[in-house]
Amino acid sequence: QLQLVESGGGLVQPGGSLRLSCAASGFTLDYAIGWFRQAPGKEREGVSCIPSSGGTTYYADSVKGRFTISRDNAKNTVYLQMNSLKPEDTAVYYCAASRLGVQTMCNLRVAVPRYWGQGTQVTVSS
């Protein structure tokens, strides 16, 4: 069974950076991996998704130019580098795995990935 474990969250000041990691165990080479977030009182939303091949990625408009997703299949790990963080980036961040295409995977109104991690808290505050 595929398992996902997030790490790297924490408290950071506005304008700061964090790198989240999603460590996967199980058969992950043919799964797309995505990062999602949920702020208090808000719906969970797709942040960024990367295909199994590491090709064309997807970013939500709110994070374009600030966040970068990458994957190291040798380590079964996907990263989310978050720069220029804003208070509105505060949320619990989850990674998920799916065989869907990245555009579909990152749109939770269309489909929900099958496998999820437990989440890691990111707080952006001065």
Protein backbone atom coordinates (compact mmCIF):
# COMPACT_ATOMS: atom_id res chain seq x y z
CA GLN A 1 0.00 0.00 0.00
CA LEU A 2 1.21 3.45 -0.90
CA GLN A 3 1.94 5.68 2.12
CA LEU A 4 2.84 9.36 2.14
CA VAL A 5 4.52 11.33 4.93
CA GLU A 6 4.91 15.11 4.81
CA SER A 7 7.55 17.11 6.67
CA GLY A 8 9.12 20.55 6.65
CA GLY A 9 6.27 22.70 7.88
CA GLY A 10 6.66 25.35 10.53
CA LEU A 11 6.39 29.01 11.42
CA VAL A 12 7.98 31.53 9.08
CA GLN A 13 7.83 35.29 8.69
CA PRO A 14 6.25 36.88 5.63
CA GLY A 15 8.72 36.88 2.76
CA GLY A 16 10.47 33.82 4.11
CA SER A 17 10.91 30.35 2.63
CA LEU A 18 10.16 26.75 3.52
CA ARG A 19 10.72 23.47 1.74
CA LEU A 20 8.16 20.73 2.25
CA SER A 21 8.98 17.09 1.61
CA CYS A 22 6.64 14.22 0.80
CA ALA A 23 8.24 10.82 1.34
CA ALA A 24 6.44 7.96 -0.33
CA SER A 25 6.62 4.23 0.25
CA GLY A 26 5.10 1.62 -2.01
CA PHE A 27 4.77 1.65 -5.81
CA THR A 28 5.06 5.35 -6.57
CA LEU A 29 6.98 5.48 -9.86
CA ASP A 30 3.80 5.65 -11.95
CA TYR A 31 1.89 8.04 -9.72
CA ALA A 32 1.52 11.76 -10.07
CA ILE A 33 2.10 13.58 -6.78
CA GLY A 34 0.37 16.75 -5.71
CA TRP A 35 0.47 19.28 -2.92
CA PHE A 36 -2.80 20.58 -1.51
CA ARG A 37 -3.63 22.92 1.33
CA GLN A 38 -6.52 23.69 3.60
CA ALA A 39 -6.84 26.85 5.64
CA PRO A 40 -9.27 27.13 8.58
CA GLY A 41 -12.80 27.56 7.32
CA LYS A 42 -11.83 27.04 3.69
CA GLU A 43 -12.04 24.18 1.24
CA ARG A 44 -8.99 22.10 0.45
CA GLU A 45 -7.36 23.33 -2.74
CA GLY A 46 -4.74 22.12 -5.15
CA VAL A 47 -1.43 23.99 -4.95
CA SER A 48 0.88 22.15 -7.33
CA CYS A 49 1.03 18.76 -9.03
CA ILE A 50 3.79 16.91 -10.86
CA PRO A 51 3.43 13.88 -13.16
CA SER A 52 5.25 10.60 -12.58
CA SER A 53 7.74 11.50 -15.30
CA GLY A 54 8.54 14.84 -13.73
CA GLY A 55 7.35 16.64 -16.87
CA THR A 56 4.89 19.50 -17.21
CA THR A 57 3.73 20.63 -13.81
CA TYR A 58 0.65 22.49 -12.59
CA TYR A 59 0.55 25.47 -10.25
CA ALA A 60 -2.38 27.33 -8.79
CA ASP A 61 -2.41 30.96 -9.88
CA SER A 62 -1.93 32.09 -6.28
CA VAL A 63 1.49 30.41 -6.03
CA LYS A 64 2.90 30.77 -9.54
CA GLY A 65 6.37 32.28 -9.51
CA ARG A 66 6.77 31.63 -5.78
CA PHE A 67 6.46 27.86 -5.34
CA THR A 68 8.39 25.13 -7.16
CA ILE A 69 7.53 21.44 -7.16
CA SER A 70 10.10 18.77 -7.92
CA ARG A 71 10.55 15.06 -7.45
CA ASP A 72 13.42 12.66 -6.89
CA ASN A 73 12.15 9.24 -7.91
CA ALA A 74 15.34 7.57 -6.67
CA LYS A 75 14.42 8.78 -3.19
CA ASN A 76 10.65 8.44 -3.68
CA THR A 77 10.35 12.02 -2.49
CA VAL A 78 8.54 15.08 -3.83
CA TYR A 79 9.44 18.58 -2.69
CA LEU A 80 7.61 21.88 -2.60
CA GLN A 81 9.94 24.86 -2.36
CA MET A 82 7.95 27.84 -1.11
CA ASN A 83 9.46 31.30 -1.42
CA SER A 84 8.12 34.79 -0.75
CA LEU A 85 5.57 33.34 1.64
CA LYS A 86 2.51 35.37 2.52
CA PRO A 87 0.14 35.17 5.49
CA GLU A 88 -2.52 33.82 3.14
CA ASP A 89 -0.32 30.78 2.51
CA THR A 90 -1.01 29.69 6.09
CA ALA A 91 -2.68 26.26 5.98
CA VAL A 92 -2.20 22.57 6.55
CA TYR A 93 -0.36 21.22 3.53
CA TYR A 94 -1.03 17.70 2.31
CA CYS A 95 0.57 15.61 -0.38
CA ALA A 96 -1.39 13.08 -2.37
CA ALA A 97 -0.80 10.47 -5.05
CA SER A 98 -2.91 9.67 -8.06
CA ARG A 99 -2.75 8.20 -11.56
CA LEU A 100 -4.72 11.15 -12.88
CA GLY A 101 -3.19 13.82 -15.06
CA VAL A 102 -1.90 16.82 -13.15
CA GLN A 103 -4.55 19.24 -14.38
CA THR A 104 -7.29 16.88 -13.18
CA MET A 105 -5.49 15.84 -10.02
CA CYS A 106 -5.04 19.39 -8.80
CA ASN A 107 -8.72 20.21 -9.31
CA LEU A 108 -10.53 18.65 -6.36
CA ARG A 109 -13.89 19.59 -7.86
CA VAL A 110 -13.24 17.09 -10.64
CA ALA A 111 -11.60 14.19 -8.82
CA VAL A 112 -10.06 13.34 -5.46
CA PRO A 113 -6.66 11.60 -5.30
CA ARG A 114 -6.74 8.16 -3.78
CA TYR A 115 -3.78 8.37 -1.39
CA TRP A 116 -3.12 11.16 1.15
CA GLY A 117 -0.56 12.04 3.77
CA GLN A 118 -1.42 13.29 7.25
CA GLY A 119 -0.50 16.92 6.56
CA THR A 120 2.00 19.44 7.87
CA GLN A 121 1.19 22.89 9.28
CA VAL A 122 2.61 25.98 7.61
CA THR A 123 2.12 29.28 9.43
CA VAL A 124 3.23 32.57 7.91
CA SER A 125 3.15 35.30 10.50
CA SER A 126 5.25 38.09 11.92
